């Protein structure tokens, strides 16, 4: 038995159609467990007796910023250790990402990442069963270079 995985480079471009965001730079981060998206004006509100998170994606300085405010039911509240070692509580949501012409559900933690170069980090939880990382490559989906690798399933090893 084999499983197919797609080769992804260290960086790529993805669409978040439900968010109205297209051509967004993503950084592949195998050191991060969860994926994250840079937002601002993040706040928790109560709606119909449940916690919802309200935010604007990207920064007003970003070329793809569209000022649209979004509200999502809070999927989870996660404690996340950032690259600088600080632990913060983040809200996570479920949405879709389109990469390599495929649409996948993705859990994203929402955080203020204005000092970071890439607005989106793709972590292991999203990458693990779909992709193999080749750090010498970048923008494979944007270049339409879909490389699939067949790997034996764990039970076969």
Protein backbone atom coordinates (compact mmCIF):
# COMPACT_ATOMS: atom_id res chain seq x y z
CA UNK A 1 0.00 0.00 0.00
CA UNK A 2 1.23 3.45 -0.92
CA UNK A 3 0.20 7.00 -0.15
CA UNK A 4 0.79 9.93 -2.50
CA UNK A 5 2.25 13.17 -1.19
CA UNK A 6 2.90 16.41 -3.00
CA UNK A 7 6.31 18.09 -2.78
CA UNK A 8 6.07 21.61 -1.37
CA UNK A 9 8.93 24.07 -1.10
CA UNK A 10 9.88 26.38 1.76
CA UNK A 11 7.58 29.13 0.42
CA UNK A 12 4.55 29.25 -1.85
CA UNK A 13 1.47 31.20 -2.85
CA UNK A 14 -2.06 30.20 -1.75
CA UNK A 15 -5.64 31.40 -2.07
CA UNK A 16 -8.13 31.76 0.77
CA UNK A 17 -11.29 32.08 -1.32
CA UNK A 18 -13.72 32.26 1.63
CA UNK A 19 -11.71 35.22 2.94
CA UNK A 20 -11.53 36.95 -0.43
CA UNK A 21 -7.73 36.72 -0.34
CA UNK A 22 -5.79 35.49 -3.36
CA UNK A 23 -2.08 35.15 -4.09
CA UNK A 24 -1.05 35.22 -0.43
CA UNK A 25 2.55 34.30 0.42
CA UNK A 26 2.85 31.33 2.75
CA UNK A 27 5.92 30.03 4.54
CA UNK A 28 6.24 26.33 5.25
CA UNK A 29 7.25 25.88 8.88
CA UNK A 30 7.81 22.29 9.95
CA UNK A 31 8.83 23.57 13.39
CA UNK A 32 5.33 24.92 14.03
CA UNK A 33 2.55 22.52 14.97
CA UNK A 34 -0.36 24.75 13.93
CA UNK A 35 -0.75 27.05 10.95
CA UNK A 36 -1.23 30.75 11.55
CA UNK A 37 -2.52 33.81 9.72
CA UNK A 38 -1.62 37.43 10.46
CA UNK A 39 -4.61 39.53 11.48
CA UNK A 40 -5.23 42.75 13.31
CA UNK A 41 -8.07 43.97 15.48
CA UNK A 42 -8.53 40.45 16.89
CA UNK A 43 -11.25 40.29 19.54
CA UNK A 44 -13.56 37.71 21.08
CA UNK A 45 -17.28 38.40 21.11
CA UNK A 46 -20.28 36.43 22.29
CA UNK A 47 -22.83 35.56 19.64
CA UNK A 48 -25.84 33.34 20.31
CA UNK A 49 -24.27 32.18 23.58
CA UNK A 50 -21.02 31.02 21.91
CA UNK A 51 -17.55 32.53 21.57
CA UNK A 52 -16.82 34.04 18.19
CA UNK A 53 -13.65 35.79 17.03
CA UNK A 54 -13.73 39.00 15.05
CA UNK A 55 -10.72 40.19 12.99
CA UNK A 56 -9.33 41.79 9.87
CA UNK A 57 -6.86 39.72 7.86
CA UNK A 58 -3.47 41.19 6.98
CA UNK A 59 -2.29 44.73 7.75
CA UNK A 60 -3.62 47.92 6.17
CA UNK A 61 -0.13 48.28 4.60
CA UNK A 62 -0.38 44.91 2.82
CA UNK A 63 -1.23 45.15 -0.89
CA UNK A 64 -4.02 42.52 -0.54
CA UNK A 65 -5.67 44.16 2.49
CA UNK A 66 -9.38 44.81 1.87
CA UNK A 67 -10.67 46.19 5.21
CA UNK A 68 -13.34 43.49 5.44
CA UNK A 69 -14.10 42.40 9.00
CA UNK A 70 -14.76 38.68 9.55
CA UNK A 71 -16.51 36.79 12.35
CA UNK A 72 -15.96 33.08 12.94
CA UNK A 73 -17.01 30.66 15.63
CA UNK A 74 -13.96 29.96 17.78
CA UNK A 75 -12.77 26.45 16.89
CA UNK A 76 -10.28 26.27 19.77
CA UNK A 77 -8.20 28.45 22.00
CA UNK A 78 -4.59 27.32 21.79
CA UNK A 79 -1.47 28.13 23.75
CA UNK A 80 1.21 28.68 21.12
CA UNK A 81 4.93 29.24 21.65
CA UNK A 82 6.16 31.71 19.04
CA UNK A 83 9.59 31.68 17.39
CA UNK A 84 10.85 34.12 20.04
CA UNK A 85 9.89 31.68 22.82
CA UNK A 86 6.90 33.66 24.13
CA UNK A 87 3.71 31.70 24.84
CA UNK A 88 0.44 33.33 23.85
CA UNK A 89 -3.18 32.28 23.73
CA UNK A 90 -4.59 32.35 20.22
CA UNK A 91 -8.02 31.74 18.78
CA UNK A 92 -8.20 29.23 15.95
CA UNK A 93 -10.71 29.02 13.14
CA UNK A 94 -11.45 26.54 10.38
CA UNK A 95 -11.45 27.76 6.78
CA UNK A 96 -10.15 26.56 3.40
CA UNK A 97 -6.82 27.00 1.62
CA UNK A 98 -6.31 26.48 -2.10
CA UNK A 99 -2.84 25.32 -3.08
CA UNK A 100 -1.73 23.12 -6.00
CA UNK A 101 -5.24 23.65 -7.41
CA UNK A 102 -6.66 21.64 -4.48
CA UNK A 103 -8.88 23.03 -1.73
CA UNK A 104 -8.14 21.76 1.79
CA UNK A 105 -9.72 22.54 5.14
CA UNK A 106 -7.21 24.22 7.45
CA UNK A 107 -7.13 25.24 11.09
CA UNK A 108 -5.52 28.66 11.45
CA UNK A 109 -4.51 30.38 14.64
CA UNK A 110 -4.99 34.13 14.44
CA UNK A 111 -2.11 36.31 15.53
CA UNK A 112 -0.56 39.70 15.01
CA UNK A 113 2.52 38.96 12.87
CA UNK A 114 3.19 42.42 11.41
CA UNK A 115 6.93 42.05 12.05
CA UNK A 116 7.06 38.81 10.08
CA UNK A 117 7.93 38.58 6.39
CA UNK A 118 5.11 36.17 5.48
CA UNK A 119 1.50 36.62 6.62
CA UNK A 120 0.80 32.85 6.75
CA UNK A 121 2.75 29.97 8.29
CA UNK A 122 1.81 26.41 7.35
CA UNK A 123 2.53 24.06 10.25
CA UNK A 124 2.94 20.29 10.63
CA UNK A 125 -0.70 19.62 11.47
CA UNK A 126 -1.72 20.80 7.99
CA UNK A 127 1.33 19.54 6.08
CA UNK A 128 1.85 16.08 7.56
CA UNK A 129 -0.47 13.82 5.56
CA UNK A 130 -0.45 15.80 2.32
CA UNK A 131 3.03 17.14 1.63
CA UNK A 132 6.75 16.39 1.66
CA UNK A 133 8.94 19.48 2.14
CA UNK A 134 11.89 20.18 -0.15
CA UNK A 135 13.61 23.24 1.31
CA UNK A 136 15.59 23.80 -1.88
CA UNK A 137 12.36 24.63 -3.75
CA UNK A 138 9.87 27.47 -3.59
CA UNK A 139 6.61 28.50 -5.27
CA UNK A 140 6.00 25.07 -6.81
CA UNK A 141 2.21 25.48 -6.85
CA UNK A 142 2.48 28.97 -8.30
CA UNK A 143 4.78 27.61 -11.04
CA UNK A 144 2.32 24.72 -11.51
CA UNK A 145 5.11 22.21 -10.78
CA UNK A 146 3.19 19.46 -9.06
CA UNK A 147 5.57 16.70 -8.01
CA UNK A 148 3.91 13.67 -6.43
CA UNK A 149 5.81 11.02 -4.53
CA UNK A 150 4.52 7.57 -3.60
CA UNK A 151 5.51 6.49 -0.12
CA UNK A 152 4.77 3.23 1.66
CA UNK A 153 2.08 3.55 4.31
CA UNK A 154 3.38 3.24 7.87
CA UNK A 155 1.87 -0.23 8.31
CA UNK A 156 3.99 -1.44 5.37
CA UNK A 157 7.32 -0.24 6.80
